[in-house]
Amino acid sequence: MKAKELMIPSPEYLHSDDTLRTAVNLLRTARRDEDKLGTKGLPVLDENSKLVGMLSMADILRAVFPFYMGMMDLGEFSWDGMVETLAKKAGDKLVKDIMSSVVITVEENSPLMEVIDHMIKHKVKRLPVLDKEGKVVGMLYERDVFFAVTKAMLEKEGGAIE
């Protein structure tokens, strides 16, 4: 099985100059086929449609949570409204300022074993799929790879699922 057989074609994407407010709206409403499921991360493209990063839910949470707060034990404190205030301020930040710029990718003809290898070695749950020109043509998600693997695991001789 090849990456192109499992990928979600033509994924939604972000631009590096989008605000986080725009990004979270797209993350929350991203479509898969006819369903509006949302997604945990999207590729970021520049003005030439070149892949320049990925933006994930974790990136957004890090943008809201000030780095210096990690140095304190906040378990005993409760500052009602603080997260909401920080989230509103973070909404104006640009995607390019918080995205992950190192992106692990696969080519559309990459075999499934290579896909799994990248996901495990690099601890990523989504991989942009590139065509021969380096353009993003799809996304592979951990759940789709998992279902392909488990389908093979559960198939009996003749193709029936246990």
C-alpha atoms as a PDB file:
ATOM      1  CA  MET A   1       0.000   0.000   0.000  1.00  0.00           C
ATOM      2  CA  LYS A   2       1.244   3.491  -0.891  1.00  0.00           C
ATOM      3  CA  ALA A   3       0.789   6.819   0.898  1.00  0.00           C
ATOM      4  CA  LYS A   4      -1.471   8.111  -1.897  1.00  0.00           C
ATOM      5  CA  GLU A   5      -3.919   5.245  -1.264  1.00  0.00           C
ATOM      6  CA  LEU A   6      -4.438   6.251   2.384  1.00  0.00           C
ATOM      7  CA  MET A   7      -4.008  10.017   2.305  1.00  0.00           C
ATOM      8  CA  ILE A   8      -6.790  12.548   2.542  1.00  0.00           C
ATOM      9  CA  PRO A   9      -6.430  14.359  -0.805  1.00  0.00           C
ATOM     10  CA  SER A  10      -6.050  18.123  -1.107  1.00  0.00           C
ATOM     11  CA  PRO A  11      -6.153  18.959   2.576  1.00  0.00           C
ATOM     12  CA  GLU A  12      -7.178  22.302   3.921  1.00  0.00           C
ATOM     13  CA  TYR A  13      -4.160  24.401   4.773  1.00  0.00           C
ATOM     14  CA  LEU A  14      -3.094  27.594   6.445  1.00  0.00           C
ATOM     15  CA  HIS A  15      -0.990  30.489   5.229  1.00  0.00           C
ATOM     16  CA  SER A  16       1.996  31.613   7.254  1.00  0.00           C
ATOM     17  CA  ASP A  17       0.505  35.109   7.624  1.00  0.00           C
ATOM     18  CA  ASP A  18      -2.874  33.893   8.946  1.00  0.00           C
ATOM     19  CA  THR A  19      -3.712  34.837  12.517  1.00  0.00           C
ATOM     20  CA  LEU A  20      -4.242  32.163  15.136  1.00  0.00           C
ATOM     21  CA  ARG A  21      -7.893  33.208  15.240  1.00  0.00           C
ATOM     22  CA  THR A  22      -8.212  32.260  11.556  1.00  0.00           C
ATOM     23  CA  ALA A  23      -6.218  29.074  12.150  1.00  0.00           C
ATOM     24  CA  VAL A  24      -8.340  27.826  15.045  1.00  0.00           C
ATOM     25  CA  ASN A  25     -11.507  28.424  13.047  1.00  0.00           C
ATOM     26  CA  LEU A  26     -10.127  26.217  10.274  1.00  0.00           C
ATOM     27  CA  LEU A  27      -8.838  23.577  12.700  1.00  0.00           C
ATOM     28  CA  ARG A  28     -12.277  23.414  14.333  1.00  0.00           C
ATOM     29  CA  THR A  29     -14.218  23.195  11.063  1.00  0.00           C
ATOM     30  CA  ALA A  30     -11.916  21.226   8.745  1.00  0.00           C
ATOM     31  CA  ARG A  31     -13.825  18.791   6.575  1.00  0.00           C
ATOM     32  CA  ARG A  32     -13.206  15.189   5.777  1.00  0.00           C
ATOM     33  CA  ASP A  33     -15.318  14.110   2.838  1.00  0.00           C
ATOM     34  CA  GLU A  34     -18.741  15.537   3.663  1.00  0.00           C
ATOM     35  CA  ASP A  35     -18.228  15.552   7.438  1.00  0.00           C
ATOM     36  CA  LYS A  36     -17.039  18.465   9.525  1.00  0.00           C
ATOM     37  CA  LEU A  37     -14.706  16.751  11.983  1.00  0.00           C
ATOM     38  CA  GLY A  38     -12.076  19.310  12.764  1.00  0.00           C
ATOM     39  CA  THR A  39      -8.432  18.334  12.796  1.00  0.00           C
ATOM     40  CA  LYS A  40      -5.509  18.436  15.191  1.00  0.00           C
ATOM     41  CA  GLY A  41      -3.060  19.987  12.741  1.00  0.00           C
ATOM     42  CA  LEU A  42      -2.746  21.489   9.283  1.00  0.00           C
ATOM     43  CA  PRO A  43       0.068  22.229   6.849  1.00  0.00           C
ATOM     44  CA  VAL A  44       1.212  25.828   6.464  1.00  0.00           C
ATOM     45  CA  LEU A  45       2.003  27.064   2.967  1.00  0.00           C
ATOM     46  CA  ASP A  46       3.740  30.233   1.831  1.00  0.00           C
ATOM     47  CA  GLU A  47       2.559  32.533  -0.981  1.00  0.00           C
ATOM     48  CA  ASN A  48       4.043  30.108  -3.560  1.00  0.00           C
ATOM     49  CA  SER A  49       2.140  27.121  -2.091  1.00  0.00           C
ATOM     50  CA  LYS A  50       5.411  25.726  -0.701  1.00  0.00           C
ATOM     51  CA  LEU A  51       5.205  23.811   2.581  1.00  0.00           C
ATOM     52  CA  VAL A  52       6.843  25.896   5.305  1.00  0.00           C
ATOM     53  CA  GLY A  53       5.440  24.374   8.484  1.00  0.00           C
ATOM     54  CA  MET A  54       2.723  22.620  10.423  1.00  0.00           C
ATOM     55  CA  LEU A  55       0.405  24.112  12.997  1.00  0.00           C
ATOM     56  CA  SER A  56      -1.047  21.811  15.626  1.00  0.00           C
ATOM     57  CA  MET A  57      -3.315  22.097  18.626  1.00  0.00           C
ATOM     58  CA  ALA A  58      -0.226  21.766  20.825  1.00  0.00           C
ATOM     59  CA  ASP A  59       1.396  24.766  19.087  1.00  0.00           C
ATOM     60  CA  ILE A  60      -1.691  26.847  19.831  1.00  0.00           C
ATOM     61  CA  LEU A  61      -1.810  25.766  23.474  1.00  0.00           C
ATOM     62  CA  ARG A  62       1.878  26.686  23.816  1.00  0.00           C
ATOM     63  CA  ALA A  63       1.097  30.123  22.347  1.00  0.00           C
ATOM     64  CA  VAL A  64      -1.524  30.699  25.041  1.00  0.00           C
ATOM     65  CA  PHE A  65       0.559  29.350  27.921  1.00  0.00           C
ATOM     66  CA  PRO A  66       3.475  31.707  28.641  1.00  0.00           C
ATOM     67  CA  PHE A  67       6.815  29.882  28.750  1.00  0.00           C
ATOM     68  CA  TYR A  68       7.670  31.248  32.198  1.00  0.00           C
ATOM     69  CA  MET A  69       4.546  29.647  33.687  1.00  0.00           C
ATOM     70  CA  GLY A  70       6.123  26.222  33.171  1.00  0.00           C
ATOM     71  CA  MET A  71       8.719  27.091  35.788  1.00  0.00           C
ATOM     72  CA  MET A  72       6.069  27.339  38.508  1.00  0.00           C
ATOM     73  CA  ASP A  73       3.906  24.741  40.194  1.00  0.00           C
ATOM     74  CA  LEU A  74       0.473  26.027  39.242  1.00  0.00           C
ATOM     75  CA  GLY A  75      -1.507  23.077  40.565  1.00  0.00           C
ATOM     76  CA  GLU A  76      -2.449  24.919  43.740  1.00  0.00           C
ATOM     77  CA  PHE A  77      -3.390  28.202  42.095  1.00  0.00           C
ATOM     78  CA  SER A  78      -6.591  29.200  40.364  1.00  0.00           C
ATOM     79  CA  TRP A  79      -6.638  32.360  38.333  1.00  0.00           C
ATOM     80  CA  ASP A  80     -10.132  32.370  36.923  1.00  0.00           C
ATOM     81  CA  GLY A  81     -10.279  33.990  33.516  1.00  0.00           C
ATOM     82  CA  MET A  82      -6.512  34.034  32.987  1.00  0.00           C
ATOM     83  CA  VAL A  83      -6.500  31.438  30.187  1.00  0.00           C
ATOM     84  CA  GLU A  84      -9.373  33.153  28.429  1.00  0.00           C
ATOM     85  CA  THR A  85      -7.564  36.509  28.556  1.00  0.00           C
ATOM     86  CA  LEU A  86      -4.324  34.981  27.259  1.00  0.00           C
ATOM     87  CA  ALA A  87      -6.238  33.141  24.515  1.00  0.00           C
ATOM     88  CA  LYS A  88      -7.825  36.372  23.291  1.00  0.00           C
ATOM     89  CA  LYS A  89      -4.420  38.050  23.116  1.00  0.00           C
ATOM     90  CA  ALA A  90      -2.877  35.050  21.336  1.00  0.00           C
ATOM     91  CA  GLY A  91      -5.576  35.216  18.650  1.00  0.00           C
ATOM     92  CA  ASP A  92      -3.718  38.043  16.914  1.00  0.00           C
ATOM     93  CA  LYS A  93      -0.397  36.167  16.726  1.00  0.00           C
ATOM     94  CA  LEU A  94       0.636  34.954  13.281  1.00  0.00           C
ATOM     95  CA  VAL A  95       0.814  31.299  12.347  1.00  0.00           C
ATOM     96  CA  LYS A  96       4.429  31.698  11.180  1.00  0.00           C
ATOM     97  CA  ASP A  97       5.456  32.805  14.665  1.00  0.00           C
ATOM     98  CA  ILE A  98       4.293  29.639  16.430  1.00  0.00           C
ATOM     99  CA  MET A  99       4.149  26.866  13.797  1.00  0.00           C
ATOM    100  CA  SER A 100       6.583  23.990  13.744  1.00  0.00           C
ATOM    101  CA  SER A 101       8.926  24.739  10.854  1.00  0.00           C
ATOM    102  CA  VAL A 102      10.577  21.320  10.769  1.00  0.00           C
ATOM    103  CA  VAL A 103       8.068  19.107   8.979  1.00  0.00           C
ATOM    104  CA  ILE A 104       8.419  15.396   8.331  1.00  0.00           C
ATOM    105  CA  THR A 105       6.870  14.519   4.958  1.00  0.00           C
ATOM    106  CA  VAL A 106       6.444  11.538   2.674  1.00  0.00           C
ATOM    107  CA  GLU A 107       6.074  11.303  -1.082  1.00  0.00           C
ATOM    108  CA  GLU A 108       2.818  10.047  -2.524  1.00  0.00           C
ATOM    109  CA  ASN A 109       4.458   6.782  -3.686  1.00  0.00           C
ATOM    110  CA  SER A 110       6.058   6.056  -0.307  1.00  0.00           C
ATOM    111  CA  PRO A 111       5.186   2.582   0.973  1.00  0.00           C
ATOM    112  CA  LEU A 112       3.144   2.177   4.139  1.00  0.00           C
ATOM    113  CA  MET A 113       6.175   0.821   6.026  1.00  0.00           C
ATOM    114  CA  GLU A 114       8.049   4.104   5.374  1.00  0.00           C
ATOM    115  CA  VAL A 115       5.033   6.080   6.592  1.00  0.00           C
ATOM    116  CA  ILE A 116       4.895   4.085   9.834  1.00  0.00           C
ATOM    117  CA  ASP A 117       8.670   4.412  10.236  1.00  0.00           C
ATOM    118  CA  HIS A 118       8.454   8.228  10.031  1.00  0.00           C
ATOM    119  CA  MET A 119       5.502   8.408  12.419  1.00  0.00           C
ATOM    120  CA  ILE A 120       7.229   6.287  15.035  1.00  0.00           C
ATOM    121  CA  LYS A 121      10.767   7.668  14.740  1.00  0.00           C
ATOM    122  CA  HIS A 122       9.684  11.301  14.664  1.00  0.00           C
ATOM    123  CA  LYS A 123       6.687  10.922  17.015  1.00  0.00           C
ATOM    124  CA  VAL A 124       4.276  12.594  14.600  1.00  0.00           C
ATOM    125  CA  LYS A 125       0.612  11.823  14.126  1.00  0.00           C
ATOM    126  CA  ARG A 126       0.168  13.445  10.727  1.00  0.00           C
ATOM    127  CA  LEU A 127       2.332  13.607   7.626  1.00  0.00           C
ATOM    128  CA  PRO A 128       1.939  15.903   4.632  1.00  0.00           C
ATOM    129  CA  VAL A 129       2.121  13.943   1.388  1.00  0.00           C
ATOM    130  CA  LEU A 130       4.080  15.595  -1.420  1.00  0.00           C
ATOM    131  CA  ASP A 131       4.011  15.066  -5.162  1.00  0.00           C
ATOM    132  CA  LYS A 132       7.150  14.912  -7.333  1.00  0.00           C
ATOM    133  CA  GLU A 133       7.310  18.730  -7.447  1.00  0.00           C
ATOM    134  CA  GLY A 134       7.189  19.001  -3.657  1.00  0.00           C
ATOM    135  CA  LYS A 135       3.609  20.323  -3.486  1.00  0.00           C
ATOM    136  CA  VAL A 136       1.282  19.132  -0.737  1.00  0.00           C
ATOM    137  CA  VAL A 137      -1.301  16.812  -2.301  1.00  0.00           C
ATOM    138  CA  GLY A 138      -2.678  15.183   0.815  1.00  0.00           C
ATOM    139  CA  MET A 139      -2.344  14.360   4.489  1.00  0.00           C
ATOM    140  CA  LEU A 140      -1.841  11.061   6.236  1.00  0.00           C
ATOM    141  CA  TYR A 141      -3.228  10.724   9.723  1.00  0.00           C
ATOM    142  CA  GLU A 142      -2.204   8.206  12.356  1.00  0.00           C
ATOM    143  CA  ARG A 143      -5.775   6.905  12.688  1.00  0.00           C
ATOM    144  CA  ASP A 144      -5.966   6.054   8.966  1.00  0.00           C
ATOM    145  CA  VAL A 145      -2.629   4.244   9.085  1.00  0.00           C
ATOM    146  CA  PHE A 146      -3.786   2.416  12.226  1.00  0.00           C
ATOM    147  CA  PHE A 147      -7.027   1.297  10.567  1.00  0.00           C
ATOM    148  CA  ALA A 148      -5.143   0.044   7.484  1.00  0.00           C
ATOM    149  CA  VAL A 149      -2.773  -1.966   9.667  1.00  0.00           C
ATOM    150  CA  THR A 150      -5.508  -3.388  11.892  1.00  0.00           C
ATOM    151  CA  LYS A 151      -7.678  -4.245   8.889  1.00  0.00           C
ATOM    152  CA  ALA A 152      -4.812  -6.374   7.554  1.00  0.00           C
ATOM    153  CA  MET A 153      -4.351  -7.864  11.018  1.00  0.00           C
ATOM    154  CA  LEU A 154      -7.997  -8.898  11.256  1.00  0.00           C
ATOM    155  CA  GLU A 155      -8.486 -10.133   7.691  1.00  0.00           C
ATOM    156  CA  LYS A 156      -8.972 -13.833   7.224  1.00  0.00           C
ATOM    157  CA  GLU A 157      -8.054 -15.691   4.063  1.00  0.00           C
ATOM    158  CA  GLY A 158     -10.314 -14.404   1.306  1.00  0.00           C
ATOM    159  CA  GLY A 159     -10.591 -10.863   2.647  1.00  0.00           C
ATOM    160  CA  ALA A 160     -13.330 -11.255   5.279  1.00  0.00           C
ATOM    161  CA  ILE A 161     -12.819  -9.379   8.579  1.00  0.00           C
ATOM    162  CA  GLU A 162     -12.943 -11.408  11.805  1.00  0.00           C
END
